[in-house]
Amino acid sequence: MRSIRPSFTARRGRNTRRTTSPLPVVALAAALAFTATACESGDAEAGGEATASAAAGGEGKITIPDDIKDKLKEHGIDIDKWKDGAWKQWDKDDWLREAQDYINPIIEGLWDPDRMRDAEDPDRGVDDSDLSGDQGVTDPTPDPVDAQAVSPAYHANAPEAGKVFFDSPEGTMVCSATVVQDPANPGKSNMVWTAGHCVHAGKSGGWYRNIAFVPSYNDSGMSAAEIKNATREEVAPFGVWWADWAQTSDQWIAQGGATGGDGASYDFAVLHVKPEEGGNGKSLEEMVGSALPVDFNAPAVPEVAGIKAIGYPAAAPFDGQKLYQCQDKPGRLSLKTSDPTMYRIGCTMTGGSSGGGWVATGSDGQPALVSNTSIGPVDSGWLAGPRLGKDAKVVFDGVSKKFAGQ
């Protein structure tokens, strides 16, 4: 992700550290220069060209279930025009925004190796000098912790980790994400945890498009140069999984934005995915062989010995192609006295790592997901993520129940 320094920017996916857009930043009384860490974005025009080419390369195939066709019609969207590239139109009136309006038809072949490799992570950061401790509880800024490369094969060392790709008005974006357990489908989960800013633009926009998850992206740890000549199977060894449903918090939809930290305490999202091509009848969890439980009674900071954050940082000095992690004892970051206090750790990961899972010992003594990367400073050094509680559980349960038994 590139470091972007406008005031109050949030990170998103690929072009959000939110790779396409930086991590969402908190609006404090002082003018903070927060940036979103998890997302990064690519060139809008280039992304459009790549999409048209990919669609053609996929023999013009597009999978649109009847229920999605009906929903598109309800919003006056022509299916044939959508297939021919109308999804690239981001007019305000056509940008579906409400929670129940999520639509994501599968376009086979769209996410080819070139398009995935070129997705960027625009990192947005916060100026630590502007952080005051007078709004809720905020601990001293943590010392930077150097991100450590995860040894390939990534699937052997972090099988739940992967990348989320999506399209936004600014171009092709990327975030990080985690395969999580689904209590309604034990052992057969198709659920993925990421950041809200990786699926929805927040108060100024609507749902992003062409959202897909690639578990164990670049599993063998190829360099960017090597990936240029790699096959899709080498880049996405466990396939490309399209989100047939996405859900984020009402607070993120109402408050979140590309600039500023509003909504950061609620910057989480859950995807339900299905394979682009068959999947041999297996669920995502069966395909990757693992899924993390989510702990909605995440321990308070004094009770946490350490948290591990994992993701695919894309802004310099990283290039978004390799998996990294940071381990640190968390502190507290409070953006608003009215919002839940966030976890904060020292970590040098940059944009593109947004949405990546934070793992700690859960309430049952086993490893569990307790947060996700949401925001970080302009010059890196630390990351912050929401502490998962009842609001996060509402989002999670909504997706689980929607696909119970499927």
Protein backbone atom coordinates (compact mmCIF):
# COMPACT_ATOMS: atom_id res chain seq x y z
CA MET A 1 0.00 0.00 0.00
CA ARG A 2 1.18 3.46 -0.69
CA SER A 3 1.34 5.83 2.19
CA ILE A 4 -1.23 8.54 1.63
CA ARG A 5 -1.13 11.56 3.87
CA PRO A 6 -4.40 13.38 3.60
CA SER A 7 -6.06 14.11 6.93
CA PHE A 8 -8.38 11.44 8.25
CA THR A 9 -8.02 8.72 5.65
CA ALA A 10 -9.15 5.16 6.20
CA ARG A 11 -7.42 2.06 4.97
CA ARG A 12 -9.14 -0.34 2.71
CA GLY A 13 -8.40 -3.25 0.49
CA ARG A 14 -6.17 -3.64 -2.38
CA ASN A 15 -6.32 -0.05 -2.74
CA THR A 16 -7.11 -0.22 0.85
CA ARG A 17 -5.09 -0.93 3.81
CA ARG A 18 -7.75 -0.86 3.30
CA THR A 19 -5.42 -1.51 0.28
CA THR A 20 -7.33 0.53 -2.16
CA SER A 21 -7.91 3.05 0.48
CA PRO A 22 -6.00 3.48 3.66
CA LEU A 23 -7.21 2.28 7.02
CA PRO A 24 -10.04 4.33 8.39
CA VAL A 25 -8.83 7.04 10.71
CA VAL A 26 -10.36 8.27 13.91
CA ALA A 27 -11.77 11.74 14.19
CA LEU A 28 -10.22 13.20 17.32
CA ALA A 29 -10.53 16.76 18.52
CA ALA A 30 -7.07 17.38 17.15
CA ALA A 31 -6.59 17.10 13.39
CA LEU A 32 -5.19 13.59 13.04
CA ALA A 33 -3.66 12.29 9.87
CA PHE A 34 -4.90 8.72 10.38
CA THR A 35 -4.71 6.34 7.46
CA ALA A 36 -6.32 3.03 6.75
CA THR A 37 -3.78 0.23 6.75
CA ALA A 38 -5.48 -2.72 5.21
CA CYS A 39 -6.39 -1.69 1.72
CA GLU A 40 -4.73 -0.65 -1.46
CA SER A 41 -6.04 0.41 -4.83
CA GLY A 42 -4.99 0.20 -8.42
CA ASP A 43 -5.45 2.53 -11.34
CA ALA A 44 -9.13 2.90 -12.10
CA GLU A 45 -8.75 2.96 -15.87
CA ALA A 46 -6.24 0.15 -15.95
CA GLY A 47 -8.48 -1.89 -13.70
CA GLY A 48 -11.40 -1.37 -16.03
CA GLU A 49 -9.41 -2.55 -19.01
CA ALA A 50 -8.20 -5.62 -17.16
CA THR A 51 -11.75 -6.45 -16.20
CA ALA A 52 -13.05 -6.30 -19.73
CA SER A 53 -10.20 -8.49 -20.90
CA ALA A 54 -10.69 -11.00 -18.11
CA ALA A 55 -14.40 -11.27 -18.77
CA ALA A 56 -13.72 -12.00 -22.42
CA GLY A 57 -11.02 -14.50 -21.46
CA GLY A 58 -13.61 -16.31 -19.36
CA GLU A 59 -15.55 -17.03 -22.57
CA GLY A 60 -17.99 -14.31 -21.66
CA LYS A 61 -19.44 -16.46 -18.88
CA ILE A 62 -21.24 -14.81 -16.04
CA THR A 63 -23.16 -16.58 -13.31
CA ILE A 64 -26.18 -14.66 -12.04
CA PRO A 65 -28.61 -16.63 -9.86
CA ASP A 66 -32.29 -15.86 -10.31
CA ASP A 67 -32.56 -14.13 -6.94
CA ILE A 68 -29.76 -11.75 -7.92
CA LYS A 69 -31.37 -11.14 -11.30
CA ASP A 70 -34.57 -10.14 -9.55
CA LYS A 71 -32.71 -7.86 -7.16
CA LEU A 72 -30.87 -6.18 -10.02
CA LYS A 73 -34.18 -5.59 -11.78
CA GLU A 74 -35.63 -4.08 -8.62
CA HIS A 75 -32.90 -1.45 -8.76
CA GLY A 76 -33.32 -0.82 -12.49
CA ILE A 77 -30.04 -2.53 -13.38
CA ASP A 78 -29.92 -4.29 -16.75
CA ILE A 79 -28.28 -7.71 -16.43
CA ASP A 80 -26.78 -7.74 -19.93
CA LYS A 81 -25.32 -4.28 -19.47
CA TRP A 82 -23.89 -5.33 -16.09
CA LYS A 83 -22.23 -8.30 -17.79
CA ASP A 84 -20.78 -6.04 -20.47
CA GLY A 85 -19.12 -3.75 -17.93
CA ALA A 86 -21.91 -1.66 -16.41
CA TRP A 87 -20.59 -2.68 -12.98
CA LYS A 88 -17.85 -0.11 -13.60
CA GLN A 89 -20.42 2.69 -13.41
CA TRP A 90 -20.36 4.26 -9.97
CA ASP A 91 -23.11 6.87 -10.27
CA LYS A 92 -24.47 7.64 -6.84
CA ASP A 93 -27.98 6.61 -7.81
CA ASP A 94 -26.76 3.21 -9.01
CA TRP A 95 -24.37 2.48 -6.15
CA LEU A 96 -26.30 0.11 -3.89
CA ARG A 97 -25.80 1.10 -0.29
CA GLU A 98 -28.22 -0.47 2.17
CA ALA A 99 -27.36 -3.61 4.11
CA GLN A 100 -29.93 -5.74 2.27
CA ASP A 101 -28.80 -4.55 -1.18
CA TYR A 102 -25.53 -6.47 -1.48
CA ILE A 103 -25.17 -7.99 -4.98
CA ASN A 104 -22.07 -9.72 -6.35
CA PRO A 105 -22.61 -11.81 -9.52
CA ILE A 106 -19.71 -14.11 -10.40
CA ILE A 107 -17.78 -13.08 -13.51
CA GLU A 108 -15.63 -16.09 -14.38
CA GLY A 109 -11.99 -15.33 -15.10
CA LEU A 110 -12.17 -11.74 -13.88
CA TRP A 111 -9.59 -12.26 -11.13
CA ASP A 112 -6.65 -13.45 -13.20
CA PRO A 113 -3.03 -13.44 -11.90
CA ASP A 114 -2.23 -10.03 -13.44
CA ARG A 115 -5.27 -8.36 -11.94
CA MET A 116 -4.61 -9.88 -8.53
CA ARG A 117 -0.91 -8.97 -8.61
CA ASP A 118 -1.56 -5.37 -9.60
CA ALA A 119 -4.16 -4.65 -6.94
CA GLU A 120 -2.76 -1.95 -4.68
CA ASP A 121 -3.08 -0.98 -1.07
CA PRO A 122 -3.34 2.75 -0.44
CA ASP A 123 -2.26 3.21 3.13
CA ARG A 124 -3.62 6.08 5.14
CA GLY A 125 -2.22 6.95 8.50
CA VAL A 126 -2.52 8.96 11.63
CA ASP A 127 -0.09 11.48 12.97
CA ASP A 128 0.81 10.16 16.43
CA SER A 129 1.73 13.64 17.62
CA ASP A 130 -1.94 14.55 17.40
CA LEU A 131 -3.12 11.73 19.62
CA SER A 132 -4.31 13.07 22.93
CA GLY A 133 -5.26 10.83 25.82
CA ASP A 134 -8.28 12.83 26.86
CA GLN A 135 -10.94 10.97 24.89
CA GLY A 136 -11.45 7.66 26.63
CA VAL A 137 -8.52 5.45 27.53
CA THR A 138 -5.50 5.60 25.23
CA ASP A 139 -2.22 4.00 26.24
CA PRO A 140 1.18 5.34 25.14
CA THR A 141 2.08 4.73 21.50
CA PRO A 142 3.67 1.28 21.23
CA ASP A 143 7.21 0.82 19.96
CA PRO A 144 7.30 -0.42 16.35
CA VAL A 145 7.53 -4.19 15.95
CA ASP A 146 9.14 -5.35 12.72
CA ALA A 147 6.81 -7.50 10.63
CA GLN A 148 8.17 -11.01 10.16
CA ALA A 149 7.74 -12.94 6.92
CA VAL A 150 5.60 -16.05 7.24
CA SER A 151 7.49 -19.04 5.89
CA PRO A 152 6.00 -20.61 2.77
CA ALA A 153 4.12 -22.68 2.12
CA TYR A 154 1.70 -20.26 3.75
CA HIS A 155 -0.96 -22.95 3.88
CA ALA A 156 1.24 -24.99 6.20
CA ASN A 157 1.83 -22.10 8.59
CA ALA A 158 -1.28 -19.89 8.35
CA PRO A 159 -3.94 -21.89 6.47
CA GLU A 160 -6.79 -19.54 7.40
CA ALA A 161 -5.15 -16.43 5.88
CA GLY A 162 -5.80 -15.03 2.44
CA LYS A 163 -6.57 -11.97 0.34
CA VAL A 164 -9.80 -10.18 -0.52
CA PHE A 165 -9.97 -8.51 -3.94
CA PHE A 166 -12.62 -6.03 -5.01
CA ASP A 167 -13.39 -3.13 -7.34
CA SER A 168 -14.14 0.42 -6.24
CA PRO A 169 -14.57 3.76 -8.03
CA GLU A 170 -10.82 4.33 -7.52
CA GLY A 171 -9.81 1.03 -9.13
CA THR A 172 -8.90 -2.50 -8.18
CA MET A 173 -8.32 -3.03 -4.47
CA VAL A 174 -6.98 -5.59 -2.04
CA CYS A 175 -7.31 -6.45 1.64
CA SER A 176 -6.41 -9.36 3.87
CA ALA A 177 -8.88 -11.78 5.47
CA THR A 178 -9.34 -14.95 7.55
CA VAL A 179 -11.36 -18.15 7.18
CA VAL A 180 -13.54 -18.47 10.31
CA GLN A 181 -15.68 -21.25 11.76
CA ASP A 182 -19.42 -21.29 11.14
CA PRO A 183 -21.43 -22.76 14.06
CA ALA A 184 -24.35 -23.44 11.69
CA ASN A 185 -22.13 -25.56 9.43
CA PRO A 186 -19.48 -27.15 11.68
CA GLY A 187 -16.43 -28.29 9.77
CA LYS A 188 -17.89 -26.91 6.54
CA SER A 189 -17.62 -23.15 6.89
CA ASN A 190 -17.82 -20.80 3.91
CA MET A 191 -17.34 -17.70 6.06
CA VAL A 192 -14.51 -15.16 5.87
CA TRP A 193 -13.70 -12.31 8.28
CA THR A 194 -12.30 -8.99 7.07
CA ALA A 195 -12.66 -5.22 7.62
CA GLY A 196 -15.81 -3.25 6.88
CA HIS A 197 -13.87 -0.84 4.68
CA CYS A 198 -12.93 -3.78 2.45
CA VAL A 199 -16.54 -4.38 1.41
CA HIS A 200 -18.44 -1.09 1.84
CA ALA A 201 -17.43 2.55 1.33
CA GLY A 202 -19.23 3.73 4.46
CA LYS A 203 -21.21 6.93 4.77
CA SER A 204 -20.18 8.31 1.36
CA GLY A 205 -20.93 5.27 -0.79
CA GLY A 206 -22.15 1.71 -1.02
CA TRP A 207 -21.07 -1.89 -1.54
CA TYR A 208 -17.92 -2.58 -3.51
CA ARG A 209 -18.15 -4.96 -6.45
CA ASN A 210 -16.60 -8.19 -7.67
CA ILE A 211 -15.57 -9.11 -4.12
CA ALA A 212 -13.61 -12.38 -4.04
CA PHE A 213 -11.41 -14.23 -1.54
CA VAL A 214 -8.22 -16.12 -2.40
CA PRO A 215 -7.01 -18.36 0.46
CA SER A 216 -3.24 -18.88 0.75
CA TYR A 217 -2.59 -16.35 -2.01
CA ASN A 218 0.87 -16.96 -3.53
CA ASP A 219 1.27 -19.98 -1.26
CA SER A 220 4.87 -20.67 -2.31
CA GLY A 221 6.02 -17.10 -1.62
CA MET A 222 6.98 -16.20 -5.20
CA SER A 223 8.47 -12.77 -5.85
CA ALA A 224 6.49 -10.14 -7.77
CA ALA A 225 8.68 -10.87 -10.82
CA GLU A 226 7.97 -14.59 -10.60
CA ILE A 227 4.24 -14.01 -10.22
CA LYS A 228 4.21 -12.21 -13.58
CA ASN A 229 4.73 -15.59 -15.22
CA ALA A 230 2.68 -17.66 -12.77
CA THR A 231 -0.50 -19.53 -13.59
CA ARG A 232 -3.77 -18.84 -11.83
CA GLU A 233 -3.44 -22.17 -10.04
CA GLU A 234 -0.03 -21.15 -8.67
CA VAL A 235 -1.32 -17.80 -7.43
CA ALA A 236 -4.62 -19.19 -6.14
CA PRO A 237 -3.89 -22.85 -5.27
CA PHE A 238 -7.19 -23.30 -3.41
CA GLY A 239 -9.27 -21.41 -5.95
CA VAL A 240 -11.07 -18.08 -6.15
CA TRP A 241 -14.10 -17.80 -3.87
CA TRP A 242 -16.72 -15.14 -4.66
CA ALA A 243 -18.71 -13.48 -1.92
CA ASP A 244 -22.38 -14.32 -2.44
CA TRP A 245 -23.17 -12.32 0.69
CA ALA A 246 -21.42 -9.64 2.75
CA GLN A 247 -22.44 -8.02 5.99
CA THR A 248 -20.84 -5.22 7.97
CA SER A 249 -21.96 -3.15 10.95
CA ASP A 250 -24.71 -0.56 10.71
CA GLN A 251 -22.25 1.82 12.37
CA TRP A 252 -19.70 1.39 9.58
CA ILE A 253 -22.33 1.96 6.88
CA ALA A 254 -23.56 5.09 8.65
CA GLN A 255 -20.25 6.53 9.87
CA GLY A 256 -17.30 5.00 8.03
CA GLY A 257 -15.31 6.85 5.42
CA ALA A 258 -12.16 6.94 3.33
CA THR A 259 -10.93 9.87 5.36
CA GLY A 260 -11.05 10.20 9.09
CA GLY A 261 -11.47 7.56 11.75
CA ASP A 262 -15.23 7.60 12.10
CA GLY A 263 -16.58 4.08 12.42
CA ALA A 264 -13.17 2.46 13.02
CA SER A 265 -14.35 0.79 16.23
CA TYR A 266 -16.97 -1.00 14.11
CA ASP A 267 -14.76 -1.67 11.08
CA PHE A 268 -15.40 -5.40 10.62
CA ALA A 269 -17.25 -7.51 8.07
CA VAL A 270 -18.17 -11.11 7.33
CA LEU A 271 -18.35 -12.67 3.87
CA HIS A 272 -20.10 -15.85 2.83
CA VAL A 273 -18.31 -17.27 -0.21
CA LYS A 274 -18.70 -19.90 -2.90
CA PRO A 275 -16.16 -21.24 -5.40
CA GLU A 276 -15.95 -19.69 -8.83
CA GLU A 277 -15.57 -23.14 -10.31
CA GLY A 278 -17.32 -26.02 -8.58
CA GLY A 279 -15.01 -26.56 -5.62
CA ASN A 280 -15.48 -30.34 -5.89
CA GLY A 281 -18.48 -29.98 -3.63
CA LYS A 282 -16.25 -29.00 -0.72
CA SER A 283 -16.69 -26.00 1.56
CA LEU A 284 -13.96 -23.40 1.96
CA GLU A 285 -13.02 -24.84 5.35
CA GLU A 286 -12.73 -28.32 3.85
CA MET A 287 -10.62 -27.01 0.99
CA VAL A 288 -8.08 -25.23 3.20
CA GLY A 289 -8.37 -27.69 6.07
CA SER A 290 -8.81 -25.12 8.82
CA ALA A 291 -10.89 -22.25 10.19
CA LEU A 292 -10.50 -20.06 13.28
CA PRO A 293 -13.21 -19.60 15.91
CA VAL A 294 -14.23 -15.99 16.59
CA ASP A 295 -14.18 -14.87 20.23
CA PHE A 296 -16.89 -12.28 20.90
CA ASN A 297 -15.88 -12.12 24.55
CA ALA A 298 -12.43 -10.95 23.59
CA PRO A 299 -10.37 -10.30 26.72
CA ALA A 300 -9.60 -6.81 27.96
CA VAL A 301 -6.12 -5.47 27.23
CA PRO A 302 -4.64 -6.20 30.70
CA GLU A 303 -5.61 -9.85 30.28
CA VAL A 304 -3.96 -10.34 26.88
CA ALA A 305 -0.39 -11.61 26.91
CA GLY A 306 0.02 -11.07 23.18
CA ILE A 307 -1.80 -10.71 19.87
CA LYS A 308 -0.60 -11.85 16.46
CA ALA A 309 -1.70 -9.79 13.44
CA ILE A 310 -1.30 -11.34 10.00
CA GLY A 311 -1.74 -9.98 6.50
CA TYR A 312 -0.38 -9.08 3.08
CA PRO A 313 1.11 -5.54 3.41
CA ALA A 314 1.34 -3.82 0.03
CA ALA A 315 2.70 -0.33 0.62
CA ALA A 316 6.46 0.25 0.61
CA PRO A 317 8.68 -1.38 1.67
CA PHE A 318 6.33 -4.31 0.97
CA ASP A 319 4.79 -5.25 -2.37
CA GLY A 320 1.62 -7.08 -1.36
CA GLN A 321 2.70 -10.47 -2.68
CA LYS A 322 3.91 -12.07 0.55
CA LEU A 323 2.40 -12.87 3.93
CA TYR A 324 3.70 -11.23 7.13
CA GLN A 325 2.85 -11.20 10.82
CA CYS A 326 3.52 -9.17 13.97
CA GLN A 327 3.35 -10.28 17.59
CA ASP A 328 2.97 -7.78 20.44
CA LYS A 329 1.20 -7.17 23.74
CA PRO A 330 -1.69 -4.82 22.95
CA GLY A 331 -2.48 -1.42 24.38
CA ARG A 332 -5.68 0.61 24.19
CA LEU A 333 -6.70 3.24 21.64
CA SER A 334 -9.85 5.28 22.18
CA LEU A 335 -11.07 7.40 19.30
CA LYS A 336 -14.30 8.57 20.87
CA THR A 337 -15.57 8.19 24.40
CA SER A 338 -18.86 6.94 22.93
CA ASP A 339 -17.20 4.16 20.89
CA PRO A 340 -15.61 0.92 22.12
CA THR A 341 -11.89 1.14 22.86
CA MET A 342 -9.72 -0.53 20.21
CA TYR A 343 -6.72 -2.84 20.52
CA ARG A 344 -3.41 -1.34 19.36
CA ILE A 345 -0.09 -3.11 18.77
CA GLY A 346 3.32 -2.17 17.45
CA CYS A 347 3.68 -3.40 13.86
CA THR A 348 5.38 -2.14 10.70
CA MET A 349 2.90 -3.72 8.27
CA THR A 350 1.45 -1.23 5.82
CA GLY A 351 -1.64 -0.91 3.62
CA GLY A 352 -3.03 -4.13 2.23
CA SER A 353 -2.84 -5.73 5.64
CA SER A 354 -6.26 -4.22 6.40
CA GLY A 355 -8.86 -6.79 7.31
CA GLY A 356 -6.19 -9.31 8.31
CA GLY A 357 -6.94 -11.40 11.39
CA TRP A 358 -5.70 -10.74 14.92
CA VAL A 359 -5.25 -13.98 16.84
CA ALA A 360 -4.97 -14.41 20.60
CA THR A 361 -5.75 -17.05 23.20
CA GLY A 362 -9.52 -17.04 23.46
CA SER A 363 -11.74 -17.40 26.49
CA ASP A 364 -11.52 -21.19 26.14
CA GLY A 365 -7.72 -21.18 26.11
CA GLN A 366 -7.47 -21.91 22.37
CA PRO A 367 -6.33 -19.61 19.50
CA ALA A 368 -9.19 -17.45 18.27
CA LEU A 369 -9.83 -14.40 16.11
CA VAL A 370 -10.27 -11.39 18.41
CA SER A 371 -9.92 -8.47 15.97
CA ASN A 372 -8.86 -7.38 12.48
CA THR A 373 -6.54 -4.69 11.18
CA SER A 374 -8.43 -1.42 10.71
CA ILE A 375 -6.23 1.68 11.01
CA GLY A 376 -2.60 2.69 11.37
CA PRO A 377 -0.34 5.75 11.20
CA VAL A 378 0.89 7.38 8.00
CA ASP A 379 4.46 6.22 8.52
CA SER A 380 3.52 2.77 9.90
CA GLY A 381 4.78 1.57 13.27
CA TRP A 382 1.49 0.45 14.81
CA LEU A 383 -1.89 -1.00 13.91
CA ALA A 384 -5.28 -0.80 15.61
CA GLY A 385 -8.30 -3.05 15.38
CA PRO A 386 -11.80 -3.21 16.87
CA ARG A 387 -12.36 -5.33 19.95
CA LEU A 388 -15.07 -7.78 18.94
CA GLY A 389 -18.20 -7.74 21.07
CA LYS A 390 -21.99 -7.86 20.74
CA ASP A 391 -22.13 -5.66 17.63
CA ALA A 392 -19.67 -7.90 15.82
CA LYS A 393 -21.61 -10.97 16.92
CA VAL A 394 -24.80 -9.55 15.41
CA VAL A 395 -23.05 -9.26 12.04
CA PHE A 396 -21.53 -12.74 12.32
CA ASP A 397 -24.76 -14.42 13.44
CA GLY A 398 -26.68 -12.73 10.63
CA VAL A 399 -24.49 -14.35 7.98
CA SER A 400 -24.32 -17.72 9.74
CA LYS A 401 -28.10 -17.97 10.12
CA LYS A 402 -28.73 -16.84 6.53
CA PHE A 403 -26.80 -19.86 5.21
CA ALA A 404 -27.57 -22.37 7.96
CA GLY A 405 -27.58 -25.89 6.57
CA GLN A 406 -26.40 -24.80 3.11
